[in-house]
Amino acid sequence: MQHLQRVLHRVMFEPVLTGRRVGPPTQLVLLARYAPGFPLLLSRLIAFGPLPEHAPAFARRDA
């Protein structure tokens, strides 16, 4: 997840902050607008990450 955040920062935010780009990336806007489920997928990835967390053994209850 941290690698994805670094890539997003380098590709999306750095060009805007340095003045090399004005406005959002066109490809991302098109994906968000026309790909069904993309906004939900993106928000789920940000909220939960690519892999589920696993509780350590001492924190689990035996069912």
N, C-alpha and C. Protein backbone atom coordinates (compact mmCIF):
# COMPACT_ATOMS: atom_id res chain seq x y z
N MET A 1 0.82 -1.19 0.00
CA MET A 1 0.00 0.00 0.00
C MET A 1 0.87 1.25 0.00
N GLN A 2 1.96 1.21 0.75
CA GLN A 2 2.84 2.37 0.78
C GLN A 2 3.50 2.60 -0.58
N HIS A 3 3.82 1.53 -1.27
CA HIS A 3 4.40 1.67 -2.61
C HIS A 3 3.39 2.35 -3.53
N LEU A 4 2.13 1.94 -3.47
CA LEU A 4 1.09 2.56 -4.28
C LEU A 4 0.96 4.04 -3.94
N GLN A 5 1.05 4.39 -2.67
CA GLN A 5 0.96 5.79 -2.28
C GLN A 5 2.14 6.59 -2.83
N ARG A 6 3.33 6.01 -2.82
CA ARG A 6 4.50 6.71 -3.36
C ARG A 6 4.35 6.93 -4.86
N VAL A 7 3.84 5.91 -5.58
CA VAL A 7 3.63 6.03 -7.02
C VAL A 7 2.59 7.11 -7.31
N LEU A 8 1.48 7.10 -6.57
CA LEU A 8 0.46 8.12 -6.76
C LEU A 8 1.01 9.51 -6.50
N HIS A 9 1.81 9.64 -5.48
CA HIS A 9 2.39 10.93 -5.17
C HIS A 9 3.30 11.39 -6.30
N ARG A 10 4.14 10.50 -6.79
CA ARG A 10 5.09 10.85 -7.85
C ARG A 10 4.37 11.18 -9.16
N VAL A 11 3.31 10.42 -9.48
CA VAL A 11 2.63 10.58 -10.76
C VAL A 11 1.57 11.69 -10.73
N MET A 12 0.84 11.80 -9.63
CA MET A 12 -0.29 12.74 -9.61
C MET A 12 0.02 14.05 -8.89
N PHE A 13 0.57 13.97 -7.71
CA PHE A 13 0.69 15.17 -6.88
C PHE A 13 1.94 15.99 -7.16
N GLU A 14 3.06 15.31 -7.37
CA GLU A 14 4.31 16.03 -7.59
C GLU A 14 4.25 16.96 -8.81
N PRO A 15 3.74 16.51 -9.97
CA PRO A 15 3.66 17.43 -11.12
C PRO A 15 2.77 18.64 -10.86
N VAL A 16 1.71 18.46 -10.10
CA VAL A 16 0.82 19.59 -9.80
C VAL A 16 1.51 20.55 -8.84
N LEU A 17 2.16 20.01 -7.82
CA LEU A 17 2.80 20.87 -6.83
C LEU A 17 4.01 21.61 -7.38
N THR A 18 4.68 21.05 -8.37
CA THR A 18 5.84 21.72 -8.97
C THR A 18 5.45 22.61 -10.14
N GLY A 19 4.18 22.60 -10.52
CA GLY A 19 3.72 23.47 -11.59
C GLY A 19 3.87 22.89 -12.99
N ARG A 20 4.22 21.63 -13.11
CA ARG A 20 4.36 21.01 -14.43
C ARG A 20 3.03 20.58 -15.01
N ARG A 21 1.99 20.48 -14.20
CA ARG A 21 0.67 20.06 -14.67
C ARG A 21 -0.39 20.87 -13.95
N VAL A 22 -1.45 21.18 -14.70
CA VAL A 22 -2.59 21.88 -14.12
C VAL A 22 -3.80 20.97 -14.28
N GLY A 23 -4.46 20.66 -13.17
CA GLY A 23 -5.64 19.83 -13.22
C GLY A 23 -5.33 18.36 -13.02
N PRO A 24 -6.39 17.55 -12.93
CA PRO A 24 -6.21 16.12 -12.67
C PRO A 24 -5.75 15.37 -13.92
N PRO A 25 -5.15 14.18 -13.74
CA PRO A 25 -4.75 13.35 -14.89
C PRO A 25 -5.98 12.89 -15.67
N THR A 26 -5.94 13.03 -16.97
CA THR A 26 -7.08 12.72 -17.83
C THR A 26 -7.48 11.25 -17.74
N GLN A 27 -6.50 10.34 -17.75
CA GLN A 27 -6.81 8.91 -17.73
C GLN A 27 -7.56 8.52 -16.46
N LEU A 28 -7.14 9.05 -15.33
CA LEU A 28 -7.80 8.73 -14.07
C LEU A 28 -9.22 9.26 -14.04
N VAL A 29 -9.42 10.46 -14.57
CA VAL A 29 -10.77 11.03 -14.62
C VAL A 29 -11.67 10.18 -15.52
N LEU A 30 -11.16 9.75 -16.66
CA LEU A 30 -11.94 8.90 -17.56
C LEU A 30 -12.29 7.57 -16.92
N LEU A 31 -11.33 6.97 -16.23
CA LEU A 31 -11.61 5.72 -15.52
C LEU A 31 -12.69 5.91 -14.47
N ALA A 32 -12.57 6.96 -13.68
CA ALA A 32 -13.54 7.20 -12.61
C ALA A 32 -14.93 7.49 -13.17
N ARG A 33 -14.98 8.13 -14.33
CA ARG A 33 -16.26 8.52 -14.90
C ARG A 33 -16.96 7.37 -15.63
N TYR A 34 -16.20 6.56 -16.39
CA TYR A 34 -16.83 5.61 -17.30
C TYR A 34 -16.66 4.13 -16.94
N ALA A 35 -15.73 3.79 -16.07
CA ALA A 35 -15.55 2.38 -15.69
C ALA A 35 -16.46 2.07 -14.52
N PRO A 36 -17.43 1.18 -14.71
CA PRO A 36 -18.34 0.88 -13.61
C PRO A 36 -17.60 0.21 -12.46
N GLY A 37 -17.85 0.68 -11.28
CA GLY A 37 -17.24 0.06 -10.10
C GLY A 37 -15.87 0.59 -9.75
N PHE A 38 -15.25 1.39 -10.60
CA PHE A 38 -13.89 1.86 -10.31
C PHE A 38 -13.84 2.73 -9.05
N PRO A 39 -14.76 3.67 -8.88
CA PRO A 39 -14.70 4.46 -7.64
C PRO A 39 -14.87 3.59 -6.38
N LEU A 40 -15.74 2.59 -6.45
CA LEU A 40 -15.92 1.70 -5.31
C LEU A 40 -14.65 0.88 -5.06
N LEU A 41 -14.05 0.38 -6.11
CA LEU A 41 -12.82 -0.39 -5.98
C LEU A 41 -11.70 0.46 -5.39
N LEU A 42 -11.58 1.67 -5.88
CA LEU A 42 -10.54 2.56 -5.39
C LEU A 42 -10.74 2.90 -3.92
N SER A 43 -11.97 3.21 -3.54
CA SER A 43 -12.23 3.54 -2.14
C SER A 43 -12.02 2.33 -1.24
N ARG A 44 -12.39 1.16 -1.70
CA ARG A 44 -12.17 -0.06 -0.91
C ARG A 44 -10.68 -0.35 -0.74
N LEU A 45 -9.91 -0.15 -1.81
CA LEU A 45 -8.46 -0.36 -1.74
C LEU A 45 -7.83 0.60 -0.74
N ILE A 46 -8.26 1.85 -0.76
CA ILE A 46 -7.71 2.83 0.18
C ILE A 46 -8.12 2.50 1.61
N ALA A 47 -9.37 2.08 1.80
CA ALA A 47 -9.86 1.80 3.15
C ALA A 47 -9.26 0.54 3.76
N PHE A 48 -9.19 -0.53 2.98
CA PHE A 48 -8.77 -1.83 3.54
C PHE A 48 -7.40 -2.29 3.09
N GLY A 49 -6.85 -1.73 2.03
CA GLY A 49 -5.56 -2.15 1.52
C GLY A 49 -5.71 -3.35 0.61
N PRO A 50 -4.62 -3.76 -0.04
CA PRO A 50 -4.69 -4.87 -0.99
C PRO A 50 -4.83 -6.25 -0.33
N LEU A 51 -4.38 -6.39 0.90
CA LEU A 51 -4.45 -7.67 1.60
C LEU A 51 -5.14 -7.47 2.95
N PRO A 52 -5.94 -8.43 3.39
CA PRO A 52 -6.59 -8.27 4.68
C PRO A 52 -5.59 -8.40 5.83
N GLU A 53 -5.87 -7.70 6.90
CA GLU A 53 -5.04 -7.80 8.10
C GLU A 53 -5.39 -9.09 8.82
N HIS A 54 -4.41 -9.67 9.48
CA HIS A 54 -4.63 -10.89 10.26
C HIS A 54 -4.27 -10.60 11.71
N ALA A 55 -5.18 -10.92 12.59
CA ALA A 55 -4.93 -10.70 14.01
C ALA A 55 -3.88 -11.70 14.50
N PRO A 56 -3.01 -11.27 15.40
CA PRO A 56 -2.04 -12.21 15.97
C PRO A 56 -2.77 -13.28 16.78
N ALA A 57 -2.10 -14.37 17.03
CA ALA A 57 -2.72 -15.52 17.69
C ALA A 57 -3.29 -15.16 19.06
N PHE A 58 -2.61 -14.30 19.81
CA PHE A 58 -3.12 -13.99 21.15
C PHE A 58 -4.41 -13.15 21.10
N ALA A 59 -4.70 -12.52 19.99
CA ALA A 59 -5.89 -11.67 19.90
C ALA A 59 -7.09 -12.41 19.31
N ARG A 60 -6.89 -13.61 18.83
CA ARG A 60 -7.99 -14.36 18.21
C ARG A 60 -8.77 -15.14 19.26
N ARG A 61 -10.05 -15.28 19.01
CA ARG A 61 -10.89 -16.14 19.83
C ARG A 61 -11.10 -17.43 19.08
N ASP A 62 -11.03 -18.52 19.76
CA ASP A 62 -11.34 -19.80 19.11
C ASP A 62 -12.86 -19.92 19.04
N ALA A 63 -13.35 -20.14 17.85
CA ALA A 63 -14.81 -20.23 17.67
C ALA A 63 -15.31 -21.63 17.88
